[in-house]
Amino acid sequence: AAIRSVGIRQSNSRAGFYYQFLIADTDYLVANRKKYTYSCLILQAENDKIIDKSASEKRYNNILSKDKTLDAYKGLFHEILNEPEKELVIAAILEWIDTRC
């Protein structure tokens, strides 16, 4: 409810958004992964039924960034920020950011 009240989560997304976000942007990232040199945090749920852990590992290994982290969370599913353990994930994200600021 709190997410909806501030307008972060939208239930009326359009097909164009999904195409851009899930297909076009992903295609661009895959095609240009060797050029990616920014700091990067990749989070993966080990029980994810949508994105296999090996895909995240491949992406991690294919980017050239010297500052990259791959964190995998045992027992969690795809929406790691909506799991009961979300505070653990949020704390890890904040710590990762804090060490770079």
N, C-alpha and C. Protein backbone atom coordinates (compact mmCIF):
# COMPACT_ATOMS: atom_id res chain seq x y z
N ALA A 1 0.82 -1.20 0.00
CA ALA A 1 0.00 0.00 0.00
C ALA A 1 0.86 1.25 0.00
N ALA A 2 1.96 1.24 0.75
CA ALA A 2 2.82 2.41 0.81
C ALA A 2 3.43 2.70 -0.56
N ILE A 3 3.78 1.67 -1.29
CA ILE A 3 4.37 1.86 -2.61
C ILE A 3 3.36 2.51 -3.54
N ARG A 4 2.14 2.05 -3.51
CA ARG A 4 1.10 2.64 -4.37
C ARG A 4 0.82 4.08 -3.99
N SER A 5 0.88 4.41 -2.70
CA SER A 5 0.53 5.75 -2.26
C SER A 5 1.53 6.80 -2.76
N VAL A 6 2.76 6.41 -3.03
CA VAL A 6 3.73 7.38 -3.55
C VAL A 6 3.91 7.24 -5.06
N GLY A 7 3.15 6.35 -5.67
CA GLY A 7 3.15 6.24 -7.12
C GLY A 7 4.35 5.53 -7.71
N ILE A 8 5.05 4.73 -6.93
CA ILE A 8 6.21 4.03 -7.45
C ILE A 8 5.79 2.83 -8.30
N ARG A 9 4.81 2.12 -7.85
CA ARG A 9 4.37 0.90 -8.53
C ARG A 9 3.14 1.22 -9.38
N GLN A 10 3.23 0.91 -10.64
CA GLN A 10 2.12 1.17 -11.56
C GLN A 10 1.51 -0.15 -12.02
N SER A 11 0.22 -0.23 -11.99
CA SER A 11 -0.44 -1.46 -12.46
C SER A 11 -0.94 -1.32 -13.88
N ASN A 12 -0.84 -0.13 -14.45
CA ASN A 12 -1.37 0.10 -15.79
C ASN A 12 -0.25 0.37 -16.80
N SER A 13 0.85 -0.36 -16.70
CA SER A 13 1.96 -0.19 -17.62
C SER A 13 1.54 -0.60 -19.03
N ARG A 14 2.15 0.04 -19.99
CA ARG A 14 1.82 -0.21 -21.38
C ARG A 14 2.80 -1.21 -22.01
N ALA A 15 2.38 -1.81 -23.10
CA ALA A 15 3.20 -2.80 -23.80
C ALA A 15 4.52 -2.19 -24.26
N GLY A 16 4.51 -0.93 -24.67
CA GLY A 16 5.73 -0.27 -25.12
C GLY A 16 6.79 -0.20 -24.03
N PHE A 17 6.35 0.04 -22.81
CA PHE A 17 7.28 0.08 -21.69
C PHE A 17 7.93 -1.29 -21.51
N TYR A 18 7.10 -2.33 -21.51
CA TYR A 18 7.64 -3.67 -21.33
C TYR A 18 8.58 -4.05 -22.45
N TYR A 19 8.24 -3.68 -23.68
CA TYR A 19 9.14 -3.98 -24.80
C TYR A 19 10.49 -3.29 -24.58
N GLN A 20 10.44 -1.99 -24.28
CA GLN A 20 11.67 -1.23 -24.10
C GLN A 20 12.51 -1.78 -22.95
N PHE A 21 11.86 -2.04 -21.83
CA PHE A 21 12.57 -2.47 -20.62
C PHE A 21 13.08 -3.89 -20.71
N LEU A 22 12.24 -4.80 -21.20
CA LEU A 22 12.59 -6.22 -21.18
C LEU A 22 13.31 -6.71 -22.42
N ILE A 23 13.10 -6.06 -23.55
CA ILE A 23 13.70 -6.56 -24.78
C ILE A 23 14.75 -5.61 -25.34
N ALA A 24 14.35 -4.39 -25.69
CA ALA A 24 15.28 -3.47 -26.34
C ALA A 24 16.46 -3.12 -25.44
N ASP A 25 16.20 -2.76 -24.19
CA ASP A 25 17.30 -2.41 -23.28
C ASP A 25 18.19 -3.61 -22.99
N THR A 26 17.59 -4.77 -22.83
CA THR A 26 18.37 -5.98 -22.58
C THR A 26 19.23 -6.32 -23.79
N ASP A 27 18.67 -6.20 -24.99
CA ASP A 27 19.45 -6.44 -26.21
C ASP A 27 20.64 -5.49 -26.29
N TYR A 28 20.41 -4.22 -25.94
CA TYR A 28 21.50 -3.23 -25.96
C TYR A 28 22.58 -3.61 -24.96
N LEU A 29 22.17 -3.97 -23.75
CA LEU A 29 23.15 -4.35 -22.73
C LEU A 29 23.97 -5.56 -23.14
N VAL A 30 23.31 -6.55 -23.72
CA VAL A 30 24.02 -7.75 -24.16
C VAL A 30 25.01 -7.40 -25.27
N ALA A 31 24.57 -6.59 -26.23
CA ALA A 31 25.43 -6.23 -27.35
C ALA A 31 26.62 -5.38 -26.92
N ASN A 32 26.47 -4.62 -25.85
CA ASN A 32 27.52 -3.69 -25.42
C ASN A 32 28.16 -4.06 -24.08
N ARG A 33 27.99 -5.28 -23.63
CA ARG A 33 28.47 -5.67 -22.30
C ARG A 33 29.97 -5.52 -22.13
N LYS A 34 30.73 -5.67 -23.20
CA LYS A 34 32.19 -5.54 -23.10
C LYS A 34 32.61 -4.08 -22.90
N LYS A 35 31.73 -3.14 -23.20
CA LYS A 35 32.01 -1.71 -23.02
C LYS A 35 31.63 -1.22 -21.62
N TYR A 36 30.93 -2.05 -20.87
CA TYR A 36 30.41 -1.61 -19.57
C TYR A 36 31.52 -1.63 -18.53
N THR A 37 31.89 -0.44 -18.04
CA THR A 37 32.99 -0.33 -17.08
C THR A 37 32.57 0.36 -15.78
N TYR A 38 31.30 0.63 -15.61
CA TYR A 38 30.82 1.29 -14.40
C TYR A 38 30.75 0.30 -13.24
N SER A 39 30.70 0.84 -12.03
CA SER A 39 30.48 -0.01 -10.86
C SER A 39 29.15 -0.73 -11.04
N CYS A 40 29.11 -1.98 -10.64
CA CYS A 40 27.92 -2.78 -10.93
C CYS A 40 27.63 -3.75 -9.78
N LEU A 41 26.40 -3.74 -9.33
CA LEU A 41 25.92 -4.68 -8.32
C LEU A 41 24.83 -5.53 -8.96
N ILE A 42 25.06 -6.82 -9.03
CA ILE A 42 24.07 -7.76 -9.58
C ILE A 42 23.56 -8.61 -8.43
N LEU A 43 22.26 -8.61 -8.25
CA LEU A 43 21.62 -9.38 -7.19
C LEU A 43 20.84 -10.53 -7.81
N GLN A 44 20.97 -11.70 -7.25
CA GLN A 44 20.33 -12.88 -7.80
C GLN A 44 19.73 -13.73 -6.69
N ALA A 45 18.50 -14.15 -6.89
CA ALA A 45 17.87 -15.10 -5.98
C ALA A 45 18.22 -16.51 -6.47
N GLU A 46 18.73 -17.34 -5.58
CA GLU A 46 19.12 -18.68 -6.00
C GLU A 46 17.93 -19.55 -6.39
N ASN A 47 16.75 -19.25 -5.87
CA ASN A 47 15.55 -20.02 -6.23
C ASN A 47 14.71 -19.32 -7.29
N ASP A 48 15.31 -18.37 -8.01
CA ASP A 48 14.61 -17.62 -9.05
C ASP A 48 14.18 -18.57 -10.16
N LYS A 49 12.90 -18.57 -10.48
CA LYS A 49 12.36 -19.42 -11.54
C LYS A 49 12.25 -18.65 -12.86
N ILE A 50 12.57 -17.35 -12.84
CA ILE A 50 12.46 -16.51 -14.03
C ILE A 50 13.83 -16.28 -14.66
N ILE A 51 14.81 -15.91 -13.84
CA ILE A 51 16.17 -15.67 -14.33
C ILE A 51 17.10 -16.67 -13.67
N ASP A 52 17.68 -17.54 -14.47
CA ASP A 52 18.57 -18.56 -13.95
C ASP A 52 19.86 -17.91 -13.42
N LYS A 53 20.36 -18.45 -12.34
CA LYS A 53 21.58 -17.92 -11.73
C LYS A 53 22.73 -17.89 -12.72
N SER A 54 22.80 -18.85 -13.61
CA SER A 54 23.89 -18.89 -14.60
C SER A 54 23.87 -17.68 -15.52
N ALA A 55 22.69 -17.12 -15.79
CA ALA A 55 22.58 -15.93 -16.64
C ALA A 55 23.21 -14.72 -15.94
N SER A 56 22.97 -14.60 -14.64
CA SER A 56 23.58 -13.50 -13.88
C SER A 56 25.08 -13.68 -13.79
N GLU A 57 25.52 -14.91 -13.60
CA GLU A 57 26.96 -15.19 -13.55
C GLU A 57 27.63 -14.86 -14.88
N LYS A 58 26.96 -15.20 -15.97
CA LYS A 58 27.50 -14.90 -17.30
C LYS A 58 27.60 -13.40 -17.52
N ARG A 59 26.55 -12.67 -17.15
CA ARG A 59 26.59 -11.22 -17.29
C ARG A 59 27.72 -10.63 -16.46
N TYR A 60 27.85 -11.10 -15.22
CA TYR A 60 28.91 -10.64 -14.33
C TYR A 60 30.28 -10.88 -14.95
N ASN A 61 30.50 -12.06 -15.48
CA ASN A 61 31.80 -12.41 -16.06
C ASN A 61 32.09 -11.68 -17.37
N ASN A 62 31.06 -11.22 -18.07
CA ASN A 62 31.25 -10.60 -19.37
C ASN A 62 31.38 -9.08 -19.34
N ILE A 63 31.12 -8.45 -18.21
CA ILE A 63 31.31 -7.00 -18.16
C ILE A 63 32.74 -6.71 -17.73
N LEU A 64 33.28 -5.61 -18.22
CA LEU A 64 34.68 -5.30 -17.96
C LEU A 64 34.91 -4.46 -16.71
N SER A 65 33.87 -4.08 -16.04
CA SER A 65 34.03 -3.27 -14.83
C SER A 65 34.98 -3.95 -13.86
N LYS A 66 35.86 -3.14 -13.29
CA LYS A 66 36.77 -3.66 -12.26
C LYS A 66 36.08 -3.67 -10.90
N ASP A 67 35.02 -2.88 -10.77
CA ASP A 67 34.26 -2.80 -9.52
C ASP A 67 32.89 -3.42 -9.75
N LYS A 68 32.83 -4.72 -9.56
CA LYS A 68 31.56 -5.42 -9.77
C LYS A 68 31.37 -6.45 -8.67
N THR A 69 30.10 -6.63 -8.32
CA THR A 69 29.73 -7.55 -7.25
C THR A 69 28.54 -8.37 -7.70
N LEU A 70 28.60 -9.66 -7.46
CA LEU A 70 27.46 -10.55 -7.70
C LEU A 70 27.09 -11.18 -6.36
N ASP A 71 25.91 -10.86 -5.88
CA ASP A 71 25.40 -11.43 -4.63
C ASP A 71 24.23 -12.35 -4.94
N ALA A 72 24.31 -13.58 -4.49
CA ALA A 72 23.23 -14.54 -4.67
C ALA A 72 22.62 -14.84 -3.30
N TYR A 73 21.31 -14.87 -3.25
CA TYR A 73 20.59 -15.05 -1.99
C TYR A 73 19.89 -16.41 -1.96
N LYS A 74 20.38 -17.28 -1.07
CA LYS A 74 19.79 -18.61 -0.90
C LYS A 74 18.38 -18.50 -0.35
N GLY A 75 17.50 -19.34 -0.88
CA GLY A 75 16.15 -19.44 -0.36
C GLY A 75 15.20 -18.36 -0.84
N LEU A 76 15.71 -17.38 -1.60
CA LEU A 76 14.85 -16.31 -2.10
C LEU A 76 14.43 -16.60 -3.53
N PHE A 77 13.31 -15.97 -3.92
CA PHE A 77 12.79 -16.12 -5.27
C PHE A 77 12.99 -14.81 -6.03
N HIS A 78 12.37 -14.68 -7.19
CA HIS A 78 12.65 -13.60 -8.13
C HIS A 78 12.57 -12.20 -7.53
N GLU A 79 11.54 -11.91 -6.78
CA GLU A 79 11.36 -10.55 -6.25
C GLU A 79 12.03 -10.43 -4.88
N ILE A 80 13.35 -10.31 -4.89
CA ILE A 80 14.11 -10.33 -3.64
C ILE A 80 13.78 -9.16 -2.72
N LEU A 81 13.25 -8.08 -3.27
CA LEU A 81 12.88 -6.94 -2.43
C LEU A 81 11.45 -7.04 -1.91
N ASN A 82 10.78 -8.12 -2.23
CA ASN A 82 9.44 -8.38 -1.70
C ASN A 82 9.40 -9.65 -0.86
N GLU A 83 10.56 -10.21 -0.57
CA GLU A 83 10.66 -11.41 0.26
C GLU A 83 10.66 -11.01 1.74
N PRO A 84 10.33 -11.94 2.63
CA PRO A 84 10.40 -11.63 4.07
C PRO A 84 11.80 -11.17 4.49
N GLU A 85 12.84 -11.62 3.77
CA GLU A 85 14.22 -11.25 4.08
C GLU A 85 14.66 -9.96 3.40
N LYS A 86 13.71 -9.16 2.92
CA LYS A 86 14.05 -7.97 2.14
C LYS A 86 14.96 -7.00 2.88
N GLU A 87 14.85 -6.92 4.20
CA GLU A 87 15.71 -6.00 4.96
C GLU A 87 17.18 -6.39 4.81
N LEU A 88 17.47 -7.67 4.73
CA LEU A 88 18.83 -8.14 4.52
C LEU A 88 19.36 -7.68 3.16
N VAL A 89 18.52 -7.79 2.15
CA VAL A 89 18.89 -7.38 0.80
C VAL A 89 19.09 -5.87 0.74
N ILE A 90 18.16 -5.12 1.32
CA ILE A 90 18.26 -3.66 1.34
C ILE A 90 19.53 -3.22 2.05
N ALA A 91 19.84 -3.84 3.17
CA ALA A 91 21.06 -3.51 3.92
C ALA A 91 22.30 -3.75 3.07
N ALA A 92 22.31 -4.84 2.32
CA ALA A 92 23.46 -5.14 1.45
C ALA A 92 23.59 -4.10 0.34
N ILE A 93 22.48 -3.68 -0.22
CA ILE A 93 22.49 -2.65 -1.27
C ILE A 93 23.04 -1.34 -0.71
N LEU A 94 22.53 -0.94 0.45
CA LEU A 94 22.98 0.32 1.06
C LEU A 94 24.46 0.27 1.42
N GLU A 95 24.91 -0.86 1.93
CA GLU A 95 26.33 -1.01 2.26
C GLU A 95 27.19 -0.91 1.00
N TRP A 96 26.74 -1.54 -0.08
CA TRP A 96 27.47 -1.49 -1.35
C TRP A 96 27.58 -0.05 -1.84
N ILE A 97 26.48 0.70 -1.76
CA ILE A 97 26.49 2.10 -2.19
C ILE A 97 27.37 2.93 -1.26
N ASP A 98 27.21 2.76 0.04
CA ASP A 98 27.98 3.55 1.02
C ASP A 98 29.49 3.38 0.85
N THR A 99 29.94 2.21 0.48
CA THR A 99 31.38 2.00 0.32
C THR A 99 31.93 2.68 -0.93
N ARG A 100 31.04 3.16 -1.78
CA ARG A 100 31.47 3.81 -3.02
C ARG A 100 31.21 5.31 -3.03
N CYS A 101 30.68 5.83 -1.96
CA CYS A 101 30.38 7.28 -1.89
C CYS A 101 31.39 8.01 -1.03
